[in-house]
Amino acid sequence: MENQVAKTEKGSKRSFVGVVTSDKMDKTIVVAINTKKMDRLYKKYVTWTKKYKAHDEKNDAHIGDTVRIVECAPISKDKCWRLSEIIERAK
């Protein structure tokens, strides 16, 4: 999954599209965001993965779902993202 950052105006919230890797916590999901970056030394693309904890109010997302998360005010120590929409359900 490609990294998709949407920032159109000053003060607008960042959003990412990623895959849910864990839904074991109550009202929290872990979303993995993959991005490709060029390695400076070897000049090859390397895939980087970063995980974010996001707030899922209805416990609607499950492992394998493709979701969009949006930046928000801090909800807890680790959560400052919330689930915006579920783009595709896992099969």
PDB file of N, CA and C in Angstrom:
ATOM      1  N   MET A   1       0.854  -1.172   0.000  1.00  0.00           N
ATOM      2  CA  MET A   1       0.000   0.000   0.000  1.00  0.00           C
ATOM      3  C   MET A   1       0.894   1.226   0.000  1.00  0.00           C
ATOM      4  N   GLU A   2       0.615   2.122  -0.902  1.00  0.00           N
ATOM      5  CA  GLU A   2       1.392   3.352  -1.001  1.00  0.00           C
ATOM      6  C   GLU A   2       0.971   4.343   0.077  1.00  0.00           C
ATOM      7  N   ASN A   3       1.918   5.138   0.482  1.00  0.00           N
ATOM      8  CA  ASN A   3       1.658   6.172   1.473  1.00  0.00           C
ATOM      9  C   ASN A   3       0.918   7.330   0.802  1.00  0.00           C
ATOM     10  N   GLN A   4      -0.219   7.714   1.341  1.00  0.00           N
ATOM     11  CA  GLN A   4      -1.005   8.796   0.761  1.00  0.00           C
ATOM     12  C   GLN A   4      -1.248   9.852   1.828  1.00  0.00           C
ATOM     13  N   VAL A   5      -0.591  10.991   1.658  1.00  0.00           N
ATOM     14  CA  VAL A   5      -0.770  12.089   2.598  1.00  0.00           C
ATOM     15  C   VAL A   5      -1.577  13.166   1.899  1.00  0.00           C
ATOM     16  N   ALA A   6      -2.670  13.557   2.529  1.00  0.00           N
ATOM     17  CA  ALA A   6      -3.515  14.604   1.958  1.00  0.00           C
ATOM     18  C   ALA A   6      -3.451  15.816   2.871  1.00  0.00           C
ATOM     19  N   LYS A   7      -2.816  16.878   2.413  1.00  0.00           N
ATOM     20  CA  LYS A   7      -2.755  18.115   3.189  1.00  0.00           C
ATOM     21  C   LYS A   7      -2.971  19.253   2.197  1.00  0.00           C
ATOM     22  N   THR A   8      -4.167  19.792   2.185  1.00  0.00           N
ATOM     23  CA  THR A   8      -4.525  20.752   1.153  1.00  0.00           C
ATOM     24  C   THR A   8      -4.382  22.194   1.603  1.00  0.00           C
ATOM     25  N   GLU A   9      -4.817  22.496   2.807  1.00  0.00           N
ATOM     26  CA  GLU A   9      -4.795  23.878   3.275  1.00  0.00           C
ATOM     27  C   GLU A   9      -4.009  23.980   4.567  1.00  0.00           C
ATOM     28  N   LYS A  10      -3.647  25.197   4.907  1.00  0.00           N
ATOM     29  CA  LYS A  10      -2.954  25.427   6.160  1.00  0.00           C
ATOM     30  C   LYS A  10      -3.874  25.064   7.326  1.00  0.00           C
ATOM     31  N   GLY A  11      -3.361  24.249   8.234  1.00  0.00           N
ATOM     32  CA  GLY A  11      -4.150  23.850   9.381  1.00  0.00           C
ATOM     33  C   GLY A  11      -5.010  22.623   9.161  1.00  0.00           C
ATOM     34  N   SER A  12      -5.010  22.051   7.957  1.00  0.00           N
ATOM     35  CA  SER A  12      -5.805  20.852   7.733  1.00  0.00           C
ATOM     36  C   SER A  12      -5.087  19.637   8.318  1.00  0.00           C
ATOM     37  N   LYS A  13      -5.841  18.603   8.570  1.00  0.00           N
ATOM     38  CA  LYS A  13      -5.314  17.416   9.230  1.00  0.00           C
ATOM     39  C   LYS A  13      -4.664  16.465   8.226  1.00  0.00           C
ATOM     40  N   ARG A  14      -3.604  15.792   8.682  1.00  0.00           N
ATOM     41  CA  ARG A  14      -2.961  14.781   7.850  1.00  0.00           C
ATOM     42  C   ARG A  14      -3.822  13.524   7.847  1.00  0.00           C
ATOM     43  N   SER A  15      -3.757  12.772   6.769  1.00  0.00           N
ATOM     44  CA  SER A  15      -4.462  11.490   6.716  1.00  0.00           C
ATOM     45  C   SER A  15      -3.588  10.477   5.992  1.00  0.00           C
ATOM     46  N   PHE A  16      -3.689   9.233   6.425  1.00  0.00           N
ATOM     47  CA  PHE A  16      -2.936   8.137   5.825  1.00  0.00           C
ATOM     48  C   PHE A  16      -3.884   7.006   5.481  1.00  0.00           C
ATOM     49  N   VAL A  17      -3.482   6.208   4.497  1.00  0.00           N
ATOM     50  CA  VAL A  17      -4.202   4.987   4.152  1.00  0.00           C
ATOM     51  C   VAL A  17      -3.281   3.825   4.494  1.00  0.00           C
ATOM     52  N   GLY A  18      -3.798   2.873   5.270  1.00  0.00           N
ATOM     53  CA  GLY A  18      -2.978   1.740   5.685  1.00  0.00           C
ATOM     54  C   GLY A  18      -3.825   0.517   5.965  1.00  0.00           C
ATOM     55  N   VAL A  19      -3.159  -0.523   6.470  1.00  0.00           N
ATOM     56  CA  VAL A  19      -3.802  -1.804   6.735  1.00  0.00           C
ATOM     57  C   VAL A  19      -3.825  -2.049   8.242  1.00  0.00           C
ATOM     58  N   VAL A  20      -4.959  -2.507   8.753  1.00  0.00           N
ATOM     59  CA  VAL A  20      -5.092  -2.803  10.174  1.00  0.00           C
ATOM     60  C   VAL A  20      -4.311  -4.077  10.484  1.00  0.00           C
ATOM     61  N   THR A  21      -3.405  -3.985  11.474  1.00  0.00           N
ATOM     62  CA  THR A  21      -2.608  -5.149  11.858  1.00  0.00           C
ATOM     63  C   THR A  21      -3.053  -5.736  13.189  1.00  0.00           C
ATOM     64  N   SER A  22      -3.781  -4.962  13.995  1.00  0.00           N
ATOM     65  CA  SER A  22      -4.280  -5.472  15.275  1.00  0.00           C
ATOM     66  C   SER A  22      -5.559  -4.750  15.655  1.00  0.00           C
ATOM     67  N   ASP A  23      -6.510  -5.527  16.199  1.00  0.00           N
ATOM     68  CA  ASP A  23      -7.752  -4.942  16.711  1.00  0.00           C
ATOM     69  C   ASP A  23      -8.092  -5.537  18.074  1.00  0.00           C
ATOM     70  N   LYS A  24      -7.095  -5.995  18.803  1.00  0.00           N
ATOM     71  CA  LYS A  24      -7.300  -6.684  20.075  1.00  0.00           C
ATOM     72  C   LYS A  24      -7.708  -5.741  21.208  1.00  0.00           C
ATOM     73  N   MET A  25      -7.320  -4.470  21.118  1.00  0.00           N
ATOM     74  CA  MET A  25      -7.644  -3.522  22.178  1.00  0.00           C
ATOM     75  C   MET A  25      -9.065  -2.985  22.001  1.00  0.00           C
ATOM     76  N   ASP A  26      -9.641  -2.494  23.083  1.00  0.00           N
ATOM     77  CA  ASP A  26     -10.992  -1.945  23.029  1.00  0.00           C
ATOM     78  C   ASP A  26     -10.942  -0.525  22.462  1.00  0.00           C
ATOM     79  N   LYS A  27     -11.680  -0.292  21.373  1.00  0.00           N
ATOM     80  CA  LYS A  27     -11.778   0.999  20.696  1.00  0.00           C
ATOM     81  C   LYS A  27     -10.438   1.511  20.161  1.00  0.00           C
ATOM     82  N   THR A  28      -9.488   0.609  19.921  1.00  0.00           N
ATOM     83  CA  THR A  28      -8.180   0.987  19.376  1.00  0.00           C
ATOM     84  C   THR A  28      -7.767  -0.021  18.318  1.00  0.00           C
ATOM     85  N   ILE A  29      -7.228   0.492  17.210  1.00  0.00           N
ATOM     86  CA  ILE A  29      -6.655  -0.375  16.178  1.00  0.00           C
ATOM     87  C   ILE A  29      -5.221   0.072  15.927  1.00  0.00           C
ATOM     88  N   VAL A  30      -4.417  -0.857  15.444  1.00  0.00           N
ATOM     89  CA  VAL A  30      -3.046  -0.546  15.036  1.00  0.00           C
ATOM     90  C   VAL A  30      -3.021  -0.606  13.517  1.00  0.00           C
ATOM     91  N   VAL A  31      -2.584   0.487  12.892  1.00  0.00           N
ATOM     92  CA  VAL A  31      -2.569   0.597  11.434  1.00  0.00           C
ATOM     93  C   VAL A  31      -1.133   0.705  10.953  1.00  0.00           C
ATOM     94  N   ALA A  32      -0.751  -0.142  10.001  1.00  0.00           N
ATOM     95  CA  ALA A  32       0.590  -0.119   9.425  1.00  0.00           C
ATOM     96  C   ALA A  32       0.565   0.702   8.136  1.00  0.00           C
ATOM     97  N   ILE A  33       1.441   1.699   8.072  1.00  0.00           N
ATOM     98  CA  ILE A  33       1.554   2.567   6.904  1.00  0.00           C
ATOM     99  C   ILE A  33       2.864   2.222   6.206  1.00  0.00           C
ATOM    100  N   ASN A  34       2.784   1.812   4.950  1.00  0.00           N
ATOM    101  CA  ASN A  34       3.979   1.486   4.167  1.00  0.00           C
ATOM    102  C   ASN A  34       4.327   2.632   3.239  1.00  0.00           C
ATOM    103  N   THR A  35       5.607   2.955   3.165  1.00  0.00           N
ATOM    104  CA  THR A  35       6.059   3.990   2.256  1.00  0.00           C
ATOM    105  C   THR A  35       7.380   3.544   1.629  1.00  0.00           C
ATOM    106  N   LYS A  36       7.620   3.963   0.414  1.00  0.00           N
ATOM    107  CA  LYS A  36       8.862   3.610  -0.269  1.00  0.00           C
ATOM    108  C   LYS A  36       9.764   4.830  -0.306  1.00  0.00           C
ATOM    109  N   LYS A  37      11.023   4.631   0.089  1.00  0.00           N
ATOM    110  CA  LYS A  37      12.002   5.703   0.075  1.00  0.00           C
ATOM    111  C   LYS A  37      13.253   5.226  -0.643  1.00  0.00           C
ATOM    112  N   MET A  38      13.921   6.173  -1.304  1.00  0.00           N
ATOM    113  CA  MET A  38      15.163   5.853  -2.004  1.00  0.00           C
ATOM    114  C   MET A  38      16.308   5.788  -0.999  1.00  0.00           C
ATOM    115  N   ASP A  39      17.065   4.685  -1.021  1.00  0.00           N
ATOM    116  CA  ASP A  39      18.242   4.561  -0.167  1.00  0.00           C
ATOM    117  C   ASP A  39      19.348   5.443  -0.716  1.00  0.00           C
ATOM    118  N   ARG A  40      19.944   6.286   0.138  1.00  0.00           N
ATOM    119  CA  ARG A  40      20.943   7.243  -0.322  1.00  0.00           C
ATOM    120  C   ARG A  40      22.201   6.572  -0.879  1.00  0.00           C
ATOM    121  N   LEU A  41      22.651   5.521  -0.202  1.00  0.00           N
ATOM    122  CA  LEU A  41      23.896   4.880  -0.597  1.00  0.00           C
ATOM    123  C   LEU A  41      23.723   3.968  -1.804  1.00  0.00           C
ATOM    124  N   TYR A  42      22.724   3.102  -1.776  1.00  0.00           N
ATOM    125  CA  TYR A  42      22.577   2.070  -2.806  1.00  0.00           C
ATOM    126  C   TYR A  42      21.629   2.451  -3.938  1.00  0.00           C
ATOM    127  N   LYS A  43      20.940   3.587  -3.812  1.00  0.00           N
ATOM    128  CA  LYS A  43      20.044   4.079  -4.864  1.00  0.00           C
ATOM    129  C   LYS A  43      18.962   3.063  -5.237  1.00  0.00           C
ATOM    130  N   LYS A  44      18.457   2.366  -4.240  1.00  0.00           N
ATOM    131  CA  LYS A  44      17.360   1.431  -4.453  1.00  0.00           C
ATOM    132  C   LYS A  44      16.220   1.810  -3.526  1.00  0.00           C
ATOM    133  N   TYR A  45      15.001   1.484  -3.944  1.00  0.00           N
ATOM    134  CA  TYR A  45      13.843   1.783  -3.114  1.00  0.00           C
ATOM    135  C   TYR A  45      13.721   0.757  -2.001  1.00  0.00           C
ATOM    136  N   VAL A  46      13.502   1.250  -0.793  1.00  0.00           N
ATOM    137  CA  VAL A  46      13.333   0.417   0.378  1.00  0.00           C
ATOM    138  C   VAL A  46      11.957   0.721   0.964  1.00  0.00           C
ATOM    139  N   THR A  47      11.237  -0.330   1.366  1.00  0.00           N
ATOM    140  CA  THR A  47       9.921  -0.145   1.961  1.00  0.00           C
ATOM    141  C   THR A  47      10.059   0.057   3.461  1.00  0.00           C
ATOM    142  N   TRP A  48       9.520   1.160   3.953  1.00  0.00           N
ATOM    143  CA  TRP A  48       9.513   1.478   5.376  1.00  0.00           C
ATOM    144  C   TRP A  48       8.098   1.297   5.897  1.00  0.00           C
ATOM    145  N   THR A  49       7.973   0.724   7.083  1.00  0.00           N
ATOM    146  CA  THR A  49       6.673   0.532   7.701  1.00  0.00           C
ATOM    147  C   THR A  49       6.638   1.252   9.032  1.00  0.00           C
ATOM    148  N   LYS A  50       5.591   2.020   9.241  1.00  0.00           N
ATOM    149  CA  LYS A  50       5.393   2.709  10.513  1.00  0.00           C
ATOM    150  C   LYS A  50       4.008   2.349  11.021  1.00  0.00           C
ATOM    151  N   LYS A  51       3.893   2.098  12.318  1.00  0.00           N
ATOM    152  CA  LYS A  51       2.617   1.705  12.902  1.00  0.00           C
ATOM    153  C   LYS A  51       2.051   2.846  13.744  1.00  0.00           C
ATOM    154  N   TYR A  52       0.766   3.085  13.600  1.00  0.00           N
ATOM    155  CA  TYR A  52       0.061   4.104  14.359  1.00  0.00           C
ATOM    156  C   TYR A  52      -1.107   3.456  15.087  1.00  0.00           C
ATOM    157  N   LYS A  53      -1.372   3.917  16.312  1.00  0.00           N
ATOM    158  CA  LYS A  53      -2.566   3.495  17.031  1.00  0.00           C
ATOM    159  C   LYS A  53      -3.652   4.522  16.742  1.00  0.00           C
ATOM    160  N   ALA A  54      -4.817   4.030  16.363  1.00  0.00           N
ATOM    161  CA  ALA A  54      -5.921   4.914  15.993  1.00  0.00           C
ATOM    162  C   ALA A  54      -7.169   4.562  16.798  1.00  0.00           C
ATOM    163  N   HIS A  55      -7.988   5.573  17.049  1.00  0.00           N
ATOM    164  CA  HIS A  55      -9.217   5.403  17.819  1.00  0.00           C
ATOM    165  C   HIS A  55     -10.332   4.908  16.905  1.00  0.00           C
ATOM    166  N   ASP A  56     -10.938   3.794  17.282  1.00  0.00           N
ATOM    167  CA  ASP A  56     -12.050   3.200  16.531  1.00  0.00           C
ATOM    168  C   ASP A  56     -13.243   3.111  17.477  1.00  0.00           C
ATOM    169  N   GLU A  57     -14.094   4.115  17.465  1.00  0.00           N
ATOM    170  CA  GLU A  57     -15.179   4.253  18.445  1.00  0.00           C
ATOM    171  C   GLU A  57     -16.129   3.063  18.458  1.00  0.00           C
ATOM    172  N   LYS A  58     -16.472   2.522  17.296  1.00  0.00           N
ATOM    173  CA  LYS A  58     -17.467   1.450  17.217  1.00  0.00           C
ATOM    174  C   LYS A  58     -16.863   0.056  17.138  1.00  0.00           C
ATOM    175  N   ASN A  59     -15.547  -0.071  17.240  1.00  0.00           N
ATOM    176  CA  ASN A  59     -14.857  -1.357  17.069  1.00  0.00           C
ATOM    177  C   ASN A  59     -15.268  -2.005  15.745  1.00  0.00           C
ATOM    178  N   ASP A  60     -15.273  -1.213  14.684  1.00  0.00           N
ATOM    179  CA  ASP A  60     -15.780  -1.635  13.381  1.00  0.00           C
ATOM    180  C   ASP A  60     -14.701  -2.260  12.503  1.00  0.00           C
ATOM    181  N   ALA A  61     -13.460  -1.810  12.613  1.00  0.00           N
ATOM    182  CA  ALA A  61     -12.380  -2.301  11.753  1.00  0.00           C
ATOM    183  C   ALA A  61     -11.774  -3.578  12.322  1.00  0.00           C
ATOM    184  N   HIS A  62     -11.349  -4.465  11.418  1.00  0.00           N
ATOM    185  CA  HIS A  62     -10.748  -5.731  11.812  1.00  0.00           C
ATOM    186  C   HIS A  62      -9.441  -5.950  11.052  1.00  0.00           C
ATOM    187  N   ILE A  63      -8.697  -6.956  11.471  1.00  0.00           N
ATOM    188  CA  ILE A  63      -7.381  -7.232  10.886  1.00  0.00           C
ATOM    189  C   ILE A  63      -7.512  -7.454   9.377  1.00  0.00           C
ATOM    190  N   GLY A  64      -6.648  -6.793   8.609  1.00  0.00           N
ATOM    191  CA  GLY A  64      -6.631  -6.936   7.157  1.00  0.00           C
ATOM    192  C   GLY A  64      -7.414  -5.877   6.419  1.00  0.00           C
ATOM    193  N   ASP A  65      -8.235  -5.108   7.109  1.00  0.00           N
ATOM    194  CA  ASP A  65      -9.010  -4.045   6.462  1.00  0.00           C
ATOM    195  C   ASP A  65      -8.094  -2.905   6.037  1.00  0.00           C
ATOM    196  N   THR A  66      -8.398  -2.300   4.892  1.00  0.00           N
ATOM    197  CA  THR A  66      -7.703  -1.096   4.451  1.00  0.00           C
ATOM    198  C   THR A  66      -8.516   0.096   4.936  1.00  0.00           C
ATOM    199  N   VAL A  67      -7.856   0.987   5.700  1.00  0.00           N
ATOM    200  CA  VAL A  67      -8.575   2.089   6.342  1.00  0.00           C
ATOM    201  C   VAL A  67      -7.850   3.414   6.109  1.00  0.00           C
ATOM    202  N   ARG A  68      -8.601   4.502   6.310  1.00  0.00           N
ATOM    203  CA  ARG A  68      -8.025   5.841   6.300  1.00  0.00           C
ATOM    204  C   ARG A  68      -8.079   6.371   7.723  1.00  0.00           C
ATOM    205  N   ILE A  69      -6.926   6.873   8.219  1.00  0.00           N
ATOM    206  CA  ILE A  69      -6.884   7.474   9.548  1.00  0.00           C
ATOM    207  C   ILE A  69      -6.557   8.956   9.404  1.00  0.00           C
ATOM    208  N   VAL A  70      -7.100   9.748  10.331  1.00  0.00           N
ATOM    209  CA  VAL A  70      -6.950  11.201  10.290  1.00  0.00           C
ATOM    210  C   VAL A  70      -6.391  11.665  11.628  1.00  0.00           C
ATOM    211  N   GLU A  71      -5.511  12.648  11.561  1.00  0.00           N
ATOM    212  CA  GLU A  71      -4.907  13.213  12.754  1.00  0.00           C
ATOM    213  C   GLU A  71      -5.968  13.910  13.598  1.00  0.00           C
ATOM    214  N   CYS A  72      -5.836  13.799  14.941  1.00  0.00           N
ATOM    215  CA  CYS A  72      -6.768  14.465  15.840  1.00  0.00           C
ATOM    216  C   CYS A  72      -6.040  14.850  17.121  1.00  0.00           C
ATOM    217  N   ALA A  73      -6.753  15.450  18.041  1.00  0.00           N
ATOM    218  CA  ALA A  73      -6.171  15.808  19.334  1.00  0.00           C
ATOM    219  C   ALA A  73      -5.816  14.527  20.088  1.00  0.00           C
ATOM    220  N   PRO A  74      -4.788  14.570  20.951  1.00  0.00           N
ATOM    221  CA  PRO A  74      -4.404  13.351  21.676  1.00  0.00           C
ATOM    222  C   PRO A  74      -5.556  12.787  22.506  1.00  0.00           C
ATOM    223  N   ILE A  75      -5.777  11.484  22.348  1.00  0.00           N
ATOM    224  CA  ILE A  75      -6.830  10.790  23.076  1.00  0.00           C
ATOM    225  C   ILE A  75      -6.238  10.065  24.281  1.00  0.00           C
ATOM    226  N   SER A  76      -5.031   9.546  24.116  1.00  0.00           N
ATOM    227  CA  SER A  76      -4.308   8.896  25.200  1.00  0.00           C
ATOM    228  C   SER A  76      -2.819   9.107  24.947  1.00  0.00           C
ATOM    229  N   LYS A  77      -1.989   8.381  25.682  1.00  0.00           N
ATOM    230  CA  LYS A  77      -0.537   8.544  25.544  1.00  0.00           C
ATOM    231  C   LYS A  77      -0.066   8.252  24.120  1.00  0.00           C
ATOM    232  N   ASP A  78      -0.615   7.218  23.506  1.00  0.00           N
ATOM    233  CA  ASP A  78      -0.154   6.784  22.183  1.00  0.00           C
ATOM    234  C   ASP A  78      -1.091   7.147  21.041  1.00  0.00           C
ATOM    235  N   LYS A  79      -2.352   7.488  21.340  1.00  0.00           N
ATOM    236  CA  LYS A  79      -3.341   7.706  20.277  1.00  0.00           C
ATOM    237  C   LYS A  79      -3.562   9.178  19.987  1.00  0.00           C
ATOM    238  N   CYS A  80      -3.209   9.592  18.779  1.00  0.00           N
ATOM    239  CA  CYS A  80      -3.570  10.927  18.300  1.00  0.00           C
ATOM    240  C   CYS A  80      -4.078  10.829  16.862  1.00  0.00           C
ATOM    241  N   TRP A  81      -4.632   9.671  16.510  1.00  0.00           N
ATOM    242  CA  TRP A  81      -5.232   9.416  15.205  1.00  0.00           C
ATOM    243  C   TRP A  81      -6.600   8.802  15.441  1.00  0.00           C
ATOM    244  N   ARG A  82      -7.516   9.009  14.497  1.00  0.00           N
ATOM    245  CA  ARG A  82      -8.826   8.380  14.596  1.00  0.00           C
ATOM    246  C   ARG A  82      -9.192   7.769  13.244  1.00  0.00           C
ATOM    247  N   LEU A  83     -10.030   6.757  13.295  1.00  0.00           N
ATOM    248  CA  LEU A  83     -10.487   6.078  12.084  1.00  0.00           C
ATOM    249  C   LEU A  83     -11.457   6.987  11.343  1.00  0.00           C
ATOM    250  N   SER A  84     -11.159   7.253  10.071  1.00  0.00           N
ATOM    251  CA  SER A  84     -12.018   8.109   9.266  1.00  0.00           C
ATOM    252  C   SER A  84     -13.004   7.268   8.463  1.00  0.00           C
ATOM    253  N   GLU A  85     -12.479   6.268   7.761  1.00  0.00           N
ATOM    254  CA  GLU A  85     -13.355   5.407   6.958  1.00  0.00           C
ATOM    255  C   GLU A  85     -12.673   4.076   6.691  1.00  0.00           C
ATOM    256  N   ILE A  86     -13.481   3.076   6.434  1.00  0.00           N
ATOM    257  CA  ILE A  86     -12.969   1.770   6.026  1.00  0.00           C
ATOM    258  C   ILE A  86     -13.094   1.714   4.518  1.00  0.00           C
ATOM    259  N   ILE A  87     -11.952   1.652   3.842  1.00  0.00           N
ATOM    260  CA  ILE A  87     -11.948   1.684   2.379  1.00  0.00           C
ATOM    261  C   ILE A  87     -12.282   0.321   1.804  1.00  0.00           C
ATOM    262  N   GLU A  88     -11.667  -0.736   2.364  1.00  0.00           N
ATOM    263  CA  GLU A  88     -11.902  -2.083   1.841  1.00  0.00           C
ATOM    264  C   GLU A  88     -11.840  -3.078   2.983  1.00  0.00           C
ATOM    265  N   ARG A  89     -12.801  -3.968   3.021  1.00  0.00           N
ATOM    266  CA  ARG A  89     -12.840  -5.013   4.035  1.00  0.00           C
ATOM    267  C   ARG A  89     -11.911  -6.171   3.646  1.00  0.00           C
ATOM    268  N   ALA A  90     -11.379  -6.857   4.656  1.00  0.00           N
ATOM    269  CA  ALA A  90     -10.541  -8.029   4.412  1.00  0.00           C
ATOM    270  C   ALA A  90     -11.419  -9.164   3.883  1.00  0.00           C
ATOM    271  N   LYS A  91     -10.832  -9.994   3.050  1.00  0.00           N
ATOM    272  CA  LYS A  91     -11.597 -11.094   2.458  1.00  0.00           C
ATOM    273  C   LYS A  91     -11.358 -12.394   3.165  1.00  0.00           C
TER     274      LYS A  91
END
